[in-house]
PDB file of N, CA and C in Angstrom:
ATOM      1  N   UNK A   1       0.851  -1.180   0.001  1.00  0.00           N
ATOM      2  CA  UNK A   1      -0.002  -0.002   0.000  1.00  0.00           C
ATOM      3  C   UNK A   1       0.886   1.234  -0.001  1.00  0.00           C
ATOM      4  N   UNK A   2       0.561   2.218  -0.818  1.00  0.00           N
ATOM      5  CA  UNK A   2       1.381   3.416  -0.919  1.00  0.00           C
ATOM      6  C   UNK A   2       1.123   4.341   0.267  1.00  0.00           C
ATOM      7  N   UNK A   3       2.035   5.262   0.504  1.00  0.00           N
ATOM      8  CA  UNK A   3       1.916   6.196   1.613  1.00  0.00           C
ATOM      9  C   UNK A   3       0.706   7.098   1.451  1.00  0.00           C
ATOM     10  N   UNK A   4       0.322   7.411   0.206  1.00  0.00           N
ATOM     11  CA  UNK A   4      -0.828   8.272  -0.030  1.00  0.00           C
ATOM     12  C   UNK A   4      -2.127   7.607   0.402  1.00  0.00           C
ATOM     13  N   UNK A   5      -2.149   6.288   0.387  1.00  0.00           N
ATOM     14  CA  UNK A   5      -3.366   5.584   0.733  1.00  0.00           C
ATOM     15  C   UNK A   5      -3.459   5.258   2.217  1.00  0.00           C
ATOM     16  N   UNK A   6      -2.402   5.487   2.974  1.00  0.00           N
ATOM     17  CA  UNK A   6      -2.428   5.148   4.389  1.00  0.00           C
ATOM     18  C   UNK A   6      -3.043   6.248   5.243  1.00  0.00           C
ATOM     19  N   UNK A   7      -3.235   7.443   4.696  1.00  0.00           N
ATOM     20  CA  UNK A   7      -3.838   8.547   5.447  1.00  0.00           C
ATOM     21  C   UNK A   7      -5.321   8.290   5.686  1.00  0.00           C
ATOM     22  N   UNK A   8      -5.867   9.001   6.621  1.00  0.00           N
ATOM     23  CA  UNK A   8      -7.282   8.836   6.921  1.00  0.00           C
ATOM     24  C   UNK A   8      -8.122   9.436   5.815  1.00  0.00           C
ATOM     25  N   UNK A   9      -9.277   8.875   5.527  1.00  0.00           N
ATOM     26  CA  UNK A   9     -10.144   9.436   4.484  1.00  0.00           C
ATOM     27  C   UNK A   9     -10.605  10.842   4.847  1.00  0.00           C
ATOM     28  N   UNK A  10     -10.786  11.122   6.144  1.00  0.00           N
ATOM     29  CA  UNK A  10     -11.243  12.445   6.574  1.00  0.00           C
ATOM     30  C   UNK A  10     -10.245  13.524   6.174  1.00  0.00           C
ATOM     31  N   UNK A  11      -8.959  13.238   6.328  1.00  0.00           N
ATOM     32  CA  UNK A  11      -7.940  14.238   6.008  1.00  0.00           C
ATOM     33  C   UNK A  11      -7.969  14.570   4.523  1.00  0.00           C
ATOM     34  N   UNK A  12      -8.243  13.584   3.679  1.00  0.00           N
ATOM     35  CA  UNK A  12      -8.273  13.825   2.239  1.00  0.00           C
ATOM     36  C   UNK A  12      -9.459  14.688   1.839  1.00  0.00           C
ATOM     37  N   UNK A  13     -10.523  14.704   2.639  1.00  0.00           N
ATOM     38  CA  UNK A  13     -11.730  15.442   2.295  1.00  0.00           C
ATOM     39  C   UNK A  13     -11.722  16.866   2.849  1.00  0.00           C
ATOM     40  N   UNK A  14     -10.747  17.238   3.635  1.00  0.00           N
ATOM     41  CA  UNK A  14     -10.714  18.568   4.222  1.00  0.00           C
ATOM     42  C   UNK A  14     -10.445  19.597   3.132  1.00  0.00           C
ATOM     43  N   UNK A  15     -11.258  20.667   3.059  1.00  0.00           N
ATOM     44  CA  UNK A  15     -11.023  21.698   2.050  1.00  0.00           C
ATOM     45  C   UNK A  15      -9.777  22.496   2.386  1.00  0.00           C
ATOM     46  N   UNK A  16      -9.149  22.973   1.359  1.00  0.00           N
ATOM     47  CA  UNK A  16      -7.972  23.823   1.563  1.00  0.00           C
ATOM     48  C   UNK A  16      -8.437  25.142   2.164  1.00  0.00           C
ATOM     49  N   UNK A  17      -7.621  25.740   3.049  1.00  0.00           N
ATOM     50  CA  UNK A  17      -8.011  27.037   3.615  1.00  0.00           C
ATOM     51  C   UNK A  17      -8.156  28.080   2.518  1.00  0.00           C
ATOM     52  N   UNK A  18      -9.116  28.977   2.696  1.00  0.00           N
ATOM     53  CA  UNK A  18      -9.344  30.035   1.717  1.00  0.00           C
ATOM     54  C   UNK A  18      -8.301  31.128   1.873  1.00  0.00           C
ATOM     55  N   UNK A  19      -7.802  31.594   0.751  1.00  0.00           N
ATOM     56  CA  UNK A  19      -6.917  32.753   0.773  1.00  0.00           C
ATOM     57  C   UNK A  19      -7.763  33.967   1.076  1.00  0.00           C
ATOM     58  N   UNK A  20      -7.144  35.021   1.566  1.00  0.00           N
ATOM     59  CA  UNK A  20      -7.880  36.228   1.954  1.00  0.00           C
ATOM     60  C   UNK A  20      -8.678  36.805   0.787  1.00  0.00           C
ATOM     61  N   UNK A  21      -8.171  36.660  -0.429  1.00  0.00           N
ATOM     62  CA  UNK A  21      -8.835  37.238  -1.593  1.00  0.00           C
ATOM     63  C   UNK A  21      -9.718  36.237  -2.309  1.00  0.00           C
ATOM     64  N   UNK A  22      -9.728  34.968  -1.886  1.00  0.00           N
ATOM     65  CA  UNK A  22     -10.516  33.951  -2.567  1.00  0.00           C
ATOM     66  C   UNK A  22     -11.964  33.999  -2.098  1.00  0.00           C
ATOM     67  N   UNK A  23     -12.892  34.019  -3.033  1.00  0.00           N
ATOM     68  CA  UNK A  23     -14.329  34.067  -2.724  1.00  0.00           C
ATOM     69  C   UNK A  23     -14.872  32.659  -2.695  1.00  0.00           C
ATOM     70  N   UNK A  24     -15.671  32.347  -1.683  1.00  0.00           N
ATOM     71  CA  UNK A  24     -16.297  31.039  -1.593  1.00  0.00           C
ATOM     72  C   UNK A  24     -17.789  31.182  -1.823  1.00  0.00           C
ATOM     73  N   UNK A  25     -18.350  30.228  -2.534  1.00  0.00           N
ATOM     74  CA  UNK A  25     -19.763  30.268  -2.891  1.00  0.00           C
ATOM     75  C   UNK A  25     -20.460  29.001  -2.428  1.00  0.00           C
ATOM     76  N   UNK A  26     -21.759  29.117  -2.159  1.00  0.00           N
ATOM     77  CA  UNK A  26     -22.602  27.952  -1.897  1.00  0.00           C
ATOM     78  C   UNK A  26     -23.492  27.763  -3.116  1.00  0.00           C
ATOM     79  N   UNK A  27     -23.676  26.517  -3.516  1.00  0.00           N
ATOM     80  CA  UNK A  27     -24.605  26.297  -4.617  1.00  0.00           C
ATOM     81  C   UNK A  27     -26.035  26.258  -4.060  1.00  0.00           C
ATOM     82  N   UNK A  28     -26.988  26.151  -4.921  1.00  0.00           N
ATOM     83  CA  UNK A  28     -28.394  26.195  -4.516  1.00  0.00           C
ATOM     84  C   UNK A  28     -28.747  25.106  -3.492  1.00  0.00           C
ATOM     85  N   UNK A  29     -28.278  23.901  -3.735  1.00  0.00           N
ATOM     86  CA  UNK A  29     -28.565  22.791  -2.828  1.00  0.00           C
ATOM     87  C   UNK A  29     -27.944  22.993  -1.449  1.00  0.00           C
ATOM     88  N   UNK A  30     -26.696  23.499  -1.428  1.00  0.00           N
ATOM     89  CA  UNK A  30     -26.021  23.735  -0.143  1.00  0.00           C
ATOM     90  C   UNK A  30     -26.747  24.792   0.677  1.00  0.00           C
ATOM     91  N   UNK A  31     -27.157  25.884   0.023  1.00  0.00           N
ATOM     92  CA  UNK A  31     -27.864  26.934   0.758  1.00  0.00           C
ATOM     93  C   UNK A  31     -29.240  26.455   1.215  1.00  0.00           C
ATOM     94  N   UNK A  32     -29.920  25.702   0.380  1.00  0.00           N
ATOM     95  CA  UNK A  32     -31.241  25.174   0.757  1.00  0.00           C
ATOM     96  C   UNK A  32     -31.119  24.289   1.993  1.00  0.00           C
ATOM     97  N   UNK A  33     -30.114  23.414   2.031  1.00  0.00           N
ATOM     98  CA  UNK A  33     -29.907  22.561   3.202  1.00  0.00           C
ATOM     99  C   UNK A  33     -29.528  23.393   4.424  1.00  0.00           C
ATOM    100  N   UNK A  34     -28.671  24.389   4.243  1.00  0.00           N
ATOM    101  CA  UNK A  34     -28.223  25.231   5.359  1.00  0.00           C
ATOM    102  C   UNK A  34     -29.399  25.937   6.016  1.00  0.00           C
ATOM    103  N   UNK A  35     -30.330  26.421   5.215  1.00  0.00           N
ATOM    104  CA  UNK A  35     -31.469  27.186   5.730  1.00  0.00           C
ATOM    105  C   UNK A  35     -32.716  26.334   5.920  1.00  0.00           C
ATOM    106  N   UNK A  36     -32.672  25.062   5.563  1.00  0.00           N
ATOM    107  CA  UNK A  36     -33.844  24.205   5.724  1.00  0.00           C
ATOM    108  C   UNK A  36     -34.976  24.565   4.763  1.00  0.00           C
ATOM    109  N   UNK A  37     -34.609  24.961   3.562  1.00  0.00           N
ATOM    110  CA  UNK A  37     -35.576  25.339   2.536  1.00  0.00           C
ATOM    111  C   UNK A  37     -35.537  24.357   1.387  1.00  0.00           C
ATOM    112  N   UNK A  38     -36.522  24.441   0.544  1.00  0.00           N
ATOM    113  CA  UNK A  38     -36.520  23.694  -0.707  1.00  0.00           C
ATOM    114  C   UNK A  38     -35.723  24.503  -1.736  1.00  0.00           C
ATOM    115  N   UNK A  39     -34.971  23.844  -2.607  1.00  0.00           N
ATOM    116  CA  UNK A  39     -34.299  24.580  -3.695  1.00  0.00           C
ATOM    117  C   UNK A  39     -35.307  25.361  -4.541  1.00  0.00           C
ATOM    118  N   UNK A  40     -36.536  24.857  -4.649  1.00  0.00           N
ATOM    119  CA  UNK A  40     -37.572  25.558  -5.414  1.00  0.00           C
ATOM    120  C   UNK A  40     -37.875  26.922  -4.793  1.00  0.00           C
ATOM    121  N   UNK A  41     -37.793  27.033  -3.472  1.00  0.00           N
ATOM    122  CA  UNK A  41     -38.013  28.321  -2.814  1.00  0.00           C
ATOM    123  C   UNK A  41     -36.959  29.313  -3.253  1.00  0.00           C
ATOM    124  N   UNK A  42     -35.691  28.897  -3.289  1.00  0.00           N
ATOM    125  CA  UNK A  42     -34.622  29.783  -3.736  1.00  0.00           C
ATOM    126  C   UNK A  42     -34.830  30.175  -5.201  1.00  0.00           C
ATOM    127  N   UNK A  43     -35.280  29.231  -6.028  1.00  0.00           N
ATOM    128  CA  UNK A  43     -35.549  29.529  -7.427  1.00  0.00           C
ATOM    129  C   UNK A  43     -36.663  30.578  -7.554  1.00  0.00           C
ATOM    130  N   UNK A  44     -37.716  30.409  -6.752  1.00  0.00           N
ATOM    131  CA  UNK A  44     -38.828  31.359  -6.789  1.00  0.00           C
ATOM    132  C   UNK A  44     -38.363  32.735  -6.320  1.00  0.00           C
ATOM    133  N   UNK A  45     -37.579  32.784  -5.242  1.00  0.00           N
ATOM    134  CA  UNK A  45     -37.069  34.062  -4.748  1.00  0.00           C
ATOM    135  C   UNK A  45     -36.236  34.778  -5.808  1.00  0.00           C
ATOM    136  N   UNK A  46     -35.407  34.010  -6.538  1.00  0.00           N
ATOM    137  CA  UNK A  46     -34.604  34.650  -7.600  1.00  0.00           C
ATOM    138  C   UNK A  46     -35.501  35.260  -8.660  1.00  0.00           C
ATOM    139  N   UNK A  47     -36.555  34.539  -9.039  1.00  0.00           N
ATOM    140  CA  UNK A  47     -37.491  35.034 -10.046  1.00  0.00           C
ATOM    141  C   UNK A  47     -38.245  36.269  -9.585  1.00  0.00           C
ATOM    142  N   UNK A  48     -38.528  36.339  -8.287  1.00  0.00           N
ATOM    143  CA  UNK A  48     -39.263  37.485  -7.728  1.00  0.00           C
ATOM    144  C   UNK A  48     -38.340  38.635  -7.343  1.00  0.00           C
ATOM    145  N   UNK A  49     -37.032  38.401  -7.384  1.00  0.00           N
ATOM    146  CA  UNK A  49     -36.089  39.459  -7.019  1.00  0.00           C
ATOM    147  C   UNK A  49     -35.968  39.676  -5.518  1.00  0.00           C
ATOM    148  N   UNK A  50     -36.276  38.642  -4.730  1.00  0.00           N
ATOM    149  CA  UNK A  50     -36.132  38.716  -3.278  1.00  0.00           C
ATOM    150  C   UNK A  50     -35.122  37.655  -2.843  1.00  0.00           C
ATOM    151  N   UNK A  51     -34.772  37.649  -1.571  1.00  0.00           N
ATOM    152  CA  UNK A  51     -33.834  36.646  -1.074  1.00  0.00           C
ATOM    153  C   UNK A  51     -32.403  37.113  -1.207  1.00  0.00           C
ATOM    154  N   UNK A  52     -31.469  36.197  -0.991  1.00  0.00           N
ATOM    155  CA  UNK A  52     -30.050  36.562  -0.996  1.00  0.00           C
ATOM    156  C   UNK A  52     -29.544  36.887  -2.400  1.00  0.00           C
ATOM    157  N   UNK A  53     -28.475  37.675  -2.440  1.00  0.00           N
ATOM    158  CA  UNK A  53     -27.842  37.975  -3.718  1.00  0.00           C
ATOM    159  C   UNK A  53     -27.199  36.703  -4.270  1.00  0.00           C
ATOM    160  N   UNK A  54     -27.069  36.629  -5.572  1.00  0.00           N
ATOM    161  CA  UNK A  54     -26.478  35.452  -6.203  1.00  0.00           C
ATOM    162  C   UNK A  54     -25.689  35.884  -7.416  1.00  0.00           C
ATOM    163  N   UNK A  55     -24.853  35.007  -7.879  1.00  0.00           N
ATOM    164  CA  UNK A  55     -24.097  35.218  -9.105  1.00  0.00           C
ATOM    165  C   UNK A  55     -24.377  34.038 -10.027  1.00  0.00           C
ATOM    166  N   UNK A  56     -24.189  34.276 -11.305  1.00  0.00           N
ATOM    167  CA  UNK A  56     -24.368  33.209 -12.278  1.00  0.00           C
ATOM    168  C   UNK A  56     -23.055  32.984 -13.001  1.00  0.00           C
ATOM    169  N   UNK A  57     -22.658  31.748 -13.046  1.00  0.00           N
ATOM    170  CA  UNK A  57     -21.503  31.310 -13.828  1.00  0.00           C
ATOM    171  C   UNK A  57     -22.065  30.480 -14.954  1.00  0.00           C
ATOM    172  N   UNK A  58     -22.271  31.130 -16.097  1.00  0.00           N
ATOM    173  CA  UNK A  58     -22.959  30.507 -17.217  1.00  0.00           C
ATOM    174  C   UNK A  58     -24.374  30.153 -16.757  1.00  0.00           C
ATOM    175  N   UNK A  59     -24.701  28.881 -16.638  1.00  0.00           N
ATOM    176  CA  UNK A  59     -26.043  28.492 -16.197  1.00  0.00           C
ATOM    177  C   UNK A  59     -26.087  28.125 -14.717  1.00  0.00           C
ATOM    178  N   UNK A  60     -24.929  28.122 -14.064  1.00  0.00           N
ATOM    179  CA  UNK A  60     -24.853  27.724 -12.671  1.00  0.00           C
ATOM    180  C   UNK A  60     -25.069  28.921 -11.753  1.00  0.00           C
ATOM    181  N   UNK A  61     -25.907  28.754 -10.749  1.00  0.00           N
ATOM    182  CA  UNK A  61     -26.187  29.802  -9.776  1.00  0.00           C
ATOM    183  C   UNK A  61     -25.392  29.518  -8.510  1.00  0.00           C
ATOM    184  N   UNK A  62     -24.811  30.566  -7.940  1.00  0.00           N
ATOM    185  CA  UNK A  62     -24.052  30.423  -6.698  1.00  0.00           C
ATOM    186  C   UNK A  62     -24.321  31.630  -5.811  1.00  0.00           C
ATOM    187  N   UNK A  63     -24.228  31.384  -4.514  1.00  0.00           N
ATOM    188  CA  UNK A  63     -24.473  32.431  -3.518  1.00  0.00           C
ATOM    189  C   UNK A  63     -23.170  32.713  -2.791  1.00  0.00           C
ATOM    190  N   UNK A  64     -22.683  33.969  -2.819  1.00  0.00           N
ATOM    191  CA  UNK A  64     -21.439  34.288  -2.121  1.00  0.00           C
ATOM    192  C   UNK A  64     -21.603  34.087  -0.614  1.00  0.00           C
ATOM    193  N   UNK A  65     -20.631  33.421  -0.015  1.00  0.00           N
ATOM    194  CA  UNK A  65     -20.694  33.148   1.411  1.00  0.00           C
ATOM    195  C   UNK A  65     -20.274  34.364   2.225  1.00  0.00           C
ATOM    196  N   UNK A  66     -19.245  35.062   1.782  1.00  0.00           N
ATOM    197  CA  UNK A  66     -18.703  36.177   2.538  1.00  0.00           C
ATOM    198  C   UNK A  66     -18.873  37.476   1.770  1.00  0.00           C
ATOM    199  N   UNK A  67     -18.584  38.574   2.455  1.00  0.00           N
ATOM    200  CA  UNK A  67     -18.633  39.887   1.835  1.00  0.00           C
ATOM    201  C   UNK A  67     -19.969  40.557   2.028  1.00  0.00           C
ATOM    202  N   UNK A  68     -20.070  41.812   1.614  1.00  0.00           N
ATOM    203  CA  UNK A  68     -21.340  42.544   1.766  1.00  0.00           C
ATOM    204  C   UNK A  68     -22.445  41.850   0.966  1.00  0.00           C
ATOM    205  N   UNK A  69     -23.545  41.578   1.608  1.00  0.00           N
ATOM    206  CA  UNK A  69     -24.658  40.918   0.946  1.00  0.00           C
ATOM    207  C   UNK A  69     -24.508  39.417   0.856  1.00  0.00           C
ATOM    208  N   UNK A  70     -23.395  38.871   1.349  1.00  0.00           N
ATOM    209  CA  UNK A  70     -23.177  37.440   1.320  1.00  0.00           C
ATOM    210  C   UNK A  70     -24.043  36.718   2.345  1.00  0.00           C
ATOM    211  N   UNK A  71     -24.023  35.417   2.300  1.00  0.00           N
ATOM    212  CA  UNK A  71     -24.854  34.601   3.172  1.00  0.00           C
ATOM    213  C   UNK A  71     -24.526  34.862   4.651  1.00  0.00           C
ATOM    214  N   UNK A  72     -23.242  34.901   4.999  1.00  0.00           N
ATOM    215  CA  UNK A  72     -22.879  35.139   6.400  1.00  0.00           C
ATOM    216  C   UNK A  72     -23.322  36.527   6.849  1.00  0.00           C
ATOM    217  N   UNK A  73     -23.203  37.518   5.971  1.00  0.00           N
ATOM    218  CA  UNK A  73     -23.655  38.875   6.279  1.00  0.00           C
ATOM    219  C   UNK A  73     -25.169  38.900   6.477  1.00  0.00           C
ATOM    220  N   UNK A  74     -25.900  38.251   5.621  1.00  0.00           N
ATOM    221  CA  UNK A  74     -27.360  38.198   5.737  1.00  0.00           C
ATOM    222  C   UNK A  74     -27.792  37.484   7.022  1.00  0.00           C
ATOM    223  N   UNK A  75     -27.126  36.376   7.327  1.00  0.00           N
ATOM    224  CA  UNK A  75     -27.454  35.658   8.565  1.00  0.00           C
ATOM    225  C   UNK A  75     -27.158  36.518   9.795  1.00  0.00           C
ATOM    226  N   UNK A  76     -26.075  37.257   9.763  1.00  0.00           N
ATOM    227  CA  UNK A  76     -25.719  38.134  10.892  1.00  0.00           C
ATOM    228  C   UNK A  76     -26.772  39.230  11.067  1.00  0.00           C
ATOM    229  N   UNK A  77     -27.205  39.820   9.969  1.00  0.00           N
ATOM    230  CA  UNK A  77     -28.198  40.895  10.040  1.00  0.00           C
ATOM    231  C   UNK A  77     -29.591  40.390  10.406  1.00  0.00           C
ATOM    232  N   UNK A  78     -29.830  39.093  10.288  1.00  0.00           N
ATOM    233  CA  UNK A  78     -31.151  38.538  10.549  1.00  0.00           C
ATOM    234  C   UNK A  78     -31.294  37.976  11.957  1.00  0.00           C
ATOM    235  N   UNK A  79     -30.316  38.203  12.807  1.00  0.00           N
ATOM    236  CA  UNK A  79     -30.363  37.674  14.166  1.00  0.00           C
ATOM    237  C   UNK A  79     -31.168  38.592  15.077  1.00  0.00           C
ATOM    238  N   UNK A  80     -31.938  37.995  15.961  1.00  0.00           N
ATOM    239  CA  UNK A  80     -32.758  38.726  16.925  1.00  0.00           C
ATOM    240  C   UNK A  80     -32.437  38.287  18.344  1.00  0.00           C
ATOM    241  N   UNK A  81     -32.467  39.216  19.253  1.00  0.00           N
ATOM    242  CA  UNK A  81     -32.310  38.923  20.683  1.00  0.00           C
ATOM    243  C   UNK A  81     -33.676  38.545  21.254  1.00  0.00           C
ATOM    244  N   UNK A  82     -34.726  39.192  20.787  1.00  0.00           N
ATOM    245  CA  UNK A  82     -36.100  38.885  21.168  1.00  0.00           C
ATOM    246  C   UNK A  82     -36.967  39.149  19.937  1.00  0.00           C
ATOM    247  N   UNK A  83     -38.278  39.006  20.067  1.00  0.00           N
ATOM    248  CA  UNK A  83     -39.142  39.202  18.904  1.00  0.00           C
ATOM    249  C   UNK A  83     -39.148  40.640  18.423  1.00  0.00           C
ATOM    250  N   UNK A  84     -38.683  41.563  19.243  1.00  0.00           N
ATOM    251  CA  UNK A  84     -38.708  42.971  18.846  1.00  0.00           C
ATOM    252  C   UNK A  84     -37.332  43.622  18.802  1.00  0.00           C
ATOM    253  N   UNK A  85     -36.282  42.885  19.099  1.00  0.00           N
ATOM    254  CA  UNK A  85     -34.957  43.499  19.191  1.00  0.00           C
ATOM    255  C   UNK A  85     -33.941  42.722  18.371  1.00  0.00           C
ATOM    256  N   UNK A  86     -33.451  43.380  17.320  1.00  0.00           N
ATOM    257  CA  UNK A  86     -32.387  42.777  16.513  1.00  0.00           C
ATOM    258  C   UNK A  86     -31.076  42.838  17.278  1.00  0.00           C
ATOM    259  N   UNK A  87     -30.193  41.877  16.991  1.00  0.00           N
ATOM    260  CA  UNK A  87     -28.866  41.909  17.533  1.00  0.00           C
ATOM    261  C   UNK A  87     -28.062  42.899  16.717  1.00  0.00           C
ATOM    262  N   UNK A  88     -27.375  43.813  17.375  1.00  0.00           N
ATOM    263  CA  UNK A  88     -26.569  44.827  16.678  1.00  0.00           C
ATOM    264  C   UNK A  88     -25.446  44.133  15.920  1.00  0.00           C
ATOM    265  N   UNK A  89     -25.036  44.682  14.779  1.00  0.00           N
ATOM    266  CA  UNK A  89     -23.918  44.089  14.023  1.00  0.00           C
ATOM    267  C   UNK A  89     -22.709  43.962  14.936  1.00  0.00           C
ATOM    268  N   UNK A  90     -22.138  42.776  14.961  1.00  0.00           N
ATOM    269  CA  UNK A  90     -20.984  42.511  15.811  1.00  0.00           C
ATOM    270  C   UNK A  90     -21.385  42.271  17.258  1.00  0.00           C
ATOM    271  N   UNK A  91     -22.688  42.320  17.551  1.00  0.00           N
ATOM    272  CA  UNK A  91     -23.163  42.125  18.917  1.00  0.00           C
ATOM    273  C   UNK A  91     -23.106  40.675  19.330  1.00  0.00           C
ATOM    274  N   UNK A  92     -23.011  40.468  20.615  1.00  0.00           N
ATOM    275  CA  UNK A  92     -22.972  39.105  21.144  1.00  0.00           C
ATOM    276  C   UNK A  92     -24.382  38.606  21.380  1.00  0.00           C
ATOM    277  N   UNK A  93     -24.481  37.301  21.452  1.00  0.00           N
ATOM    278  CA  UNK A  93     -25.809  36.703  21.675  1.00  0.00           C
ATOM    279  C   UNK A  93     -26.201  36.751  23.115  1.00  0.00           C
TER     280      UNK A  93
END
């Protein structure tokens, strides 16, 4: 058995760390699973012009994870401390 095959399968599946300038995207299925939605809901939102920002690479749709308007930014802005009080940006839970 070669040395490359003796490593654990988990180590081979670990993504490489992102460079500071590298943009990471979630595809439609990944975002739907993350938010517990149907991919059809994301498709409908895109058609209606609501929901998260997205980019198109030819026919492929992707949602930026980081940056202004990205998924992490949207999730941060959507946090609430109570039913009437949003968590301030950078605020603790």
